[in-house]
Amino acid sequence: MNTLSDTTSLEPEQATPARIVPRTKNQIRATANADARAVKAKWKTLIPEAKSVWEKIPVEDLAQVEGNFHRLAGLVQLRYQIGREETDRQVKDFFAKHYPGA
């Protein structure tokens, strides 16, 4: 088990990640909630970018998504009449571009 003091003796490639890995259910839940709040806050700034990617979706509908992957995927699928796999790929690519590490 590595503790914070143990990381000083590790080689650079063995160093612990910058983000602390949650271990308990409460820590996992708290991390997920914090990530969701961050995505929701950033989503407001990404609405114009999402609008440029998916022009058929009105800005009002994009605002209601609030950064939720499944809501956005559902809207894209509905407006563009494409399969779920393709929709998920597009939305996943969008989130990977704008939320690195999420």
N, C-alpha and C. Protein backbone atom coordinates (compact mmCIF):
# COMPACT_ATOMS: atom_id res chain seq x y z
N MET A 1 0.85 -1.18 0.00
CA MET A 1 0.00 0.00 0.00
C MET A 1 0.89 1.24 0.00
N ASN A 2 0.65 2.14 -0.92
CA ASN A 2 1.41 3.38 -0.99
C ASN A 2 0.70 4.45 -0.19
N THR A 3 1.44 5.13 0.62
CA THR A 3 0.91 6.30 1.31
C THR A 3 1.55 7.51 0.69
N LEU A 4 1.12 8.66 1.11
CA LEU A 4 1.64 9.89 0.53
C LEU A 4 3.14 9.99 0.75
N SER A 5 3.64 9.56 1.90
CA SER A 5 5.07 9.63 2.17
C SER A 5 5.85 8.61 1.34
N ASP A 6 5.21 7.53 0.90
CA ASP A 6 5.88 6.51 0.10
C ASP A 6 6.17 6.99 -1.32
N THR A 7 5.44 7.98 -1.81
CA THR A 7 5.58 8.40 -3.20
C THR A 7 6.91 9.08 -3.47
N THR A 8 7.59 9.57 -2.44
CA THR A 8 8.86 10.25 -2.66
C THR A 8 9.94 9.29 -3.11
N SER A 9 9.85 7.99 -2.73
CA SER A 9 10.88 7.03 -3.08
C SER A 9 10.58 6.30 -4.39
N LEU A 10 9.44 6.56 -5.00
CA LEU A 10 9.07 5.87 -6.23
C LEU A 10 9.73 6.50 -7.43
N GLU A 11 9.94 5.69 -8.44
CA GLU A 11 10.44 6.18 -9.71
C GLU A 11 9.35 7.04 -10.35
N PRO A 12 9.68 7.97 -11.26
CA PRO A 12 8.67 8.84 -11.88
C PRO A 12 7.54 8.07 -12.55
N GLU A 13 7.85 6.96 -13.20
CA GLU A 13 6.79 6.23 -13.89
C GLU A 13 5.89 5.47 -12.92
N GLN A 14 6.31 5.36 -11.66
CA GLN A 14 5.52 4.66 -10.65
C GLN A 14 4.79 5.63 -9.72
N ALA A 15 4.98 6.91 -9.91
CA ALA A 15 4.37 7.89 -9.02
C ALA A 15 2.85 7.78 -9.07
N THR A 16 2.21 8.10 -7.96
CA THR A 16 0.76 8.03 -7.90
C THR A 16 0.14 9.11 -8.77
N PRO A 17 -1.05 8.89 -9.30
CA PRO A 17 -1.69 9.89 -10.15
C PRO A 17 -2.03 11.14 -9.36
N ALA A 18 -2.19 12.25 -10.07
CA ALA A 18 -2.50 13.51 -9.42
C ALA A 18 -3.86 13.46 -8.74
N ARG A 19 -4.79 12.72 -9.30
CA ARG A 19 -6.13 12.63 -8.73
C ARG A 19 -6.18 11.44 -7.78
N ILE A 20 -6.67 11.66 -6.59
CA ILE A 20 -6.75 10.60 -5.60
C ILE A 20 -7.85 9.62 -6.00
N VAL A 21 -7.55 8.35 -5.96
CA VAL A 21 -8.50 7.33 -6.35
C VAL A 21 -9.43 7.06 -5.17
N PRO A 22 -10.74 7.24 -5.35
CA PRO A 22 -11.67 7.00 -4.25
C PRO A 22 -11.73 5.52 -3.89
N ARG A 23 -11.98 5.26 -2.63
CA ARG A 23 -11.98 3.87 -2.19
C ARG A 23 -13.31 3.43 -1.57
N THR A 24 -14.00 4.29 -0.88
CA THR A 24 -15.26 3.90 -0.25
C THR A 24 -16.42 4.33 -1.13
N LYS A 25 -17.59 3.78 -0.84
CA LYS A 25 -18.78 4.16 -1.61
C LYS A 25 -19.05 5.65 -1.47
N ASN A 26 -18.88 6.19 -0.28
CA ASN A 26 -19.11 7.62 -0.08
C ASN A 26 -18.11 8.47 -0.86
N GLN A 27 -16.85 8.03 -0.92
CA GLN A 27 -15.86 8.76 -1.69
C GLN A 27 -16.16 8.69 -3.18
N ILE A 28 -16.58 7.53 -3.64
CA ILE A 28 -16.94 7.38 -5.05
C ILE A 28 -18.13 8.26 -5.38
N ARG A 29 -19.14 8.26 -4.53
CA ARG A 29 -20.33 9.08 -4.74
C ARG A 29 -19.97 10.57 -4.72
N ALA A 30 -19.13 10.98 -3.79
CA ALA A 30 -18.73 12.39 -3.70
C ALA A 30 -17.95 12.81 -4.94
N THR A 31 -17.08 11.95 -5.42
CA THR A 31 -16.31 12.25 -6.63
C THR A 31 -17.23 12.36 -7.83
N ALA A 32 -18.17 11.45 -7.95
CA ALA A 32 -19.12 11.48 -9.07
C ALA A 32 -19.97 12.74 -9.02
N ASN A 33 -20.42 13.12 -7.84
CA ASN A 33 -21.22 14.34 -7.69
C ASN A 33 -20.42 15.58 -8.04
N ALA A 34 -19.17 15.63 -7.61
CA ALA A 34 -18.31 16.77 -7.93
C ALA A 34 -18.06 16.86 -9.42
N ASP A 35 -17.82 15.71 -10.07
CA ASP A 35 -17.61 15.69 -11.52
C ASP A 35 -18.86 16.15 -12.25
N ALA A 36 -20.02 15.70 -11.79
CA ALA A 36 -21.28 16.08 -12.43
C ALA A 36 -21.53 17.58 -12.30
N ARG A 37 -21.22 18.15 -11.14
CA ARG A 37 -21.39 19.59 -10.95
C ARG A 37 -20.44 20.37 -11.87
N ALA A 38 -19.22 19.88 -12.02
CA ALA A 38 -18.25 20.56 -12.89
C ALA A 38 -18.70 20.51 -14.35
N VAL A 39 -19.20 19.36 -14.78
CA VAL A 39 -19.69 19.21 -16.15
C VAL A 39 -20.87 20.14 -16.37
N LYS A 40 -21.79 20.18 -15.42
CA LYS A 40 -22.98 21.02 -15.54
C LYS A 40 -22.60 22.50 -15.62
N ALA A 41 -21.63 22.91 -14.82
CA ALA A 41 -21.19 24.30 -14.84
C ALA A 41 -20.51 24.65 -16.16
N LYS A 42 -19.68 23.75 -16.66
CA LYS A 42 -18.97 24.02 -17.92
C LYS A 42 -19.90 23.92 -19.12
N TRP A 43 -20.96 23.14 -19.01
CA TRP A 43 -21.86 22.93 -20.14
C TRP A 43 -22.41 24.26 -20.66
N LYS A 44 -22.71 25.18 -19.77
CA LYS A 44 -23.28 26.48 -20.18
C LYS A 44 -22.35 27.20 -21.15
N THR A 45 -21.05 27.02 -20.97
CA THR A 45 -20.09 27.67 -21.87
C THR A 45 -19.92 26.90 -23.17
N LEU A 46 -20.34 25.64 -23.19
CA LEU A 46 -20.16 24.80 -24.38
C LEU A 46 -21.38 24.72 -25.28
N ILE A 47 -22.46 25.35 -24.90
CA ILE A 47 -23.68 25.30 -25.71
C ILE A 47 -23.42 25.81 -27.14
N PRO A 48 -22.72 26.93 -27.33
CA PRO A 48 -22.45 27.36 -28.72
C PRO A 48 -21.63 26.34 -29.51
N GLU A 49 -20.67 25.70 -28.86
CA GLU A 49 -19.87 24.67 -29.53
C GLU A 49 -20.74 23.48 -29.92
N ALA A 50 -21.61 23.06 -29.00
CA ALA A 50 -22.52 21.94 -29.30
C ALA A 50 -23.48 22.32 -30.43
N LYS A 51 -23.92 23.57 -30.43
CA LYS A 51 -24.82 24.04 -31.49
C LYS A 51 -24.12 23.99 -32.84
N SER A 52 -22.82 24.30 -32.88
CA SER A 52 -22.10 24.25 -34.15
C SER A 52 -21.91 22.81 -34.63
N VAL A 53 -21.85 21.85 -33.69
CA VAL A 53 -21.70 20.45 -34.07
C VAL A 53 -23.05 19.87 -34.51
N TRP A 54 -24.10 20.16 -33.73
CA TRP A 54 -25.44 19.63 -34.01
C TRP A 54 -26.38 20.79 -34.27
N GLU A 55 -26.39 21.28 -35.50
CA GLU A 55 -27.15 22.48 -35.87
C GLU A 55 -28.66 22.29 -35.81
N LYS A 56 -29.14 21.06 -35.93
CA LYS A 56 -30.58 20.81 -35.92
C LYS A 56 -31.20 20.89 -34.52
N ILE A 57 -30.37 20.93 -33.49
CA ILE A 57 -30.88 20.96 -32.11
C ILE A 57 -30.96 22.41 -31.66
N PRO A 58 -32.14 22.87 -31.25
CA PRO A 58 -32.29 24.26 -30.79
C PRO A 58 -31.47 24.52 -29.52
N VAL A 59 -31.03 25.76 -29.37
CA VAL A 59 -30.23 26.16 -28.21
C VAL A 59 -30.99 25.89 -26.91
N GLU A 60 -32.30 26.09 -26.92
CA GLU A 60 -33.10 25.86 -25.72
C GLU A 60 -33.02 24.40 -25.28
N ASP A 61 -33.06 23.49 -26.25
CA ASP A 61 -32.95 22.06 -25.92
C ASP A 61 -31.55 21.73 -25.42
N LEU A 62 -30.54 22.32 -26.03
CA LEU A 62 -29.18 22.09 -25.58
C LEU A 62 -28.97 22.60 -24.15
N ALA A 63 -29.60 23.71 -23.82
CA ALA A 63 -29.48 24.25 -22.46
C ALA A 63 -30.09 23.31 -21.43
N GLN A 64 -31.15 22.60 -21.80
CA GLN A 64 -31.80 21.68 -20.88
C GLN A 64 -31.00 20.40 -20.65
N VAL A 65 -30.06 20.13 -21.53
CA VAL A 65 -29.22 18.93 -21.39
C VAL A 65 -28.37 19.00 -20.12
N GLU A 66 -27.88 20.18 -19.79
CA GLU A 66 -27.06 20.43 -18.59
C GLU A 66 -25.84 19.51 -18.51
N GLY A 67 -25.27 19.16 -19.65
CA GLY A 67 -24.06 18.34 -19.67
C GLY A 67 -24.30 16.86 -19.47
N ASN A 68 -25.55 16.42 -19.49
CA ASN A 68 -25.87 15.00 -19.28
C ASN A 68 -25.66 14.24 -20.60
N PHE A 69 -24.77 13.25 -20.55
CA PHE A 69 -24.41 12.47 -21.74
C PHE A 69 -25.64 11.84 -22.39
N HIS A 70 -26.47 11.19 -21.59
CA HIS A 70 -27.60 10.44 -22.14
C HIS A 70 -28.68 11.36 -22.70
N ARG A 71 -28.89 12.50 -22.07
CA ARG A 71 -29.88 13.45 -22.60
C ARG A 71 -29.42 13.98 -23.96
N LEU A 72 -28.13 14.32 -24.03
CA LEU A 72 -27.60 14.83 -25.30
C LEU A 72 -27.65 13.76 -26.37
N ALA A 73 -27.28 12.55 -26.03
CA ALA A 73 -27.32 11.45 -27.00
C ALA A 73 -28.75 11.22 -27.49
N GLY A 74 -29.71 11.30 -26.60
CA GLY A 74 -31.10 11.14 -26.99
C GLY A 74 -31.56 12.22 -27.95
N LEU A 75 -31.17 13.47 -27.67
CA LEU A 75 -31.53 14.58 -28.57
C LEU A 75 -30.90 14.40 -29.95
N VAL A 76 -29.63 14.04 -29.97
CA VAL A 76 -28.94 13.85 -31.25
C VAL A 76 -29.62 12.73 -32.03
N GLN A 77 -29.92 11.66 -31.37
CA GLN A 77 -30.57 10.53 -32.04
C GLN A 77 -31.94 10.92 -32.58
N LEU A 78 -32.68 11.67 -31.80
CA LEU A 78 -34.02 12.09 -32.19
C LEU A 78 -33.99 13.05 -33.39
N ARG A 79 -33.14 14.06 -33.32
CA ARG A 79 -33.11 15.09 -34.37
C ARG A 79 -32.46 14.61 -35.66
N TYR A 80 -31.46 13.73 -35.55
CA TYR A 80 -30.73 13.32 -36.74
C TYR A 80 -31.13 11.94 -37.25
N GLN A 81 -32.00 11.24 -36.52
CA GLN A 81 -32.49 9.93 -36.96
C GLN A 81 -31.34 8.98 -37.29
N ILE A 82 -30.39 8.86 -36.35
CA ILE A 82 -29.27 7.95 -36.53
C ILE A 82 -29.29 6.92 -35.40
N GLY A 83 -28.56 5.84 -35.58
CA GLY A 83 -28.54 4.76 -34.61
C GLY A 83 -27.87 5.15 -33.29
N ARG A 84 -28.16 4.38 -32.27
CA ARG A 84 -27.65 4.68 -30.93
C ARG A 84 -26.13 4.57 -30.88
N GLU A 85 -25.53 3.61 -31.57
CA GLU A 85 -24.08 3.46 -31.54
C GLU A 85 -23.40 4.70 -32.12
N GLU A 86 -23.88 5.16 -33.27
CA GLU A 86 -23.31 6.35 -33.90
C GLU A 86 -23.53 7.58 -33.03
N THR A 87 -24.71 7.70 -32.45
CA THR A 87 -25.01 8.82 -31.56
C THR A 87 -24.07 8.82 -30.37
N ASP A 88 -23.92 7.66 -29.74
CA ASP A 88 -23.03 7.56 -28.58
C ASP A 88 -21.60 7.90 -28.95
N ARG A 89 -21.16 7.49 -30.13
CA ARG A 89 -19.80 7.79 -30.57
C ARG A 89 -19.61 9.30 -30.74
N GLN A 90 -20.58 9.96 -31.38
CA GLN A 90 -20.48 11.41 -31.59
C GLN A 90 -20.43 12.15 -30.25
N VAL A 91 -21.33 11.79 -29.36
CA VAL A 91 -21.40 12.47 -28.07
C VAL A 91 -20.16 12.16 -27.23
N LYS A 92 -19.71 10.92 -27.29
CA LYS A 92 -18.49 10.55 -26.56
C LYS A 92 -17.30 11.35 -27.08
N ASP A 93 -17.18 11.50 -28.39
CA ASP A 93 -16.09 12.30 -28.96
C ASP A 93 -16.18 13.76 -28.53
N PHE A 94 -17.41 14.30 -28.50
CA PHE A 94 -17.60 15.69 -28.06
C PHE A 94 -17.17 15.86 -26.61
N PHE A 95 -17.61 14.94 -25.75
CA PHE A 95 -17.25 15.04 -24.34
C PHE A 95 -15.75 14.83 -24.13
N ALA A 96 -15.15 13.92 -24.88
CA ALA A 96 -13.70 13.67 -24.74
C ALA A 96 -12.90 14.90 -25.15
N LYS A 97 -13.39 15.61 -26.16
CA LYS A 97 -12.70 16.82 -26.62
C LYS A 97 -12.81 17.94 -25.60
N HIS A 98 -13.98 18.09 -24.99
CA HIS A 98 -14.23 19.24 -24.12
C HIS A 98 -14.11 18.95 -22.63
N TYR A 99 -14.09 17.69 -22.26
CA TYR A 99 -13.93 17.30 -20.85
C TYR A 99 -12.82 16.27 -20.74
N PRO A 100 -11.60 16.64 -21.05
CA PRO A 100 -10.52 15.65 -20.97
C PRO A 100 -10.36 15.13 -19.55
N GLY A 101 -10.19 13.83 -19.43
CA GLY A 101 -10.02 13.21 -18.13
C GLY A 101 -11.32 12.86 -17.44
N ALA A 102 -12.44 13.21 -18.05
CA ALA A 102 -13.72 12.87 -17.42
C ALA A 102 -14.18 11.50 -17.80
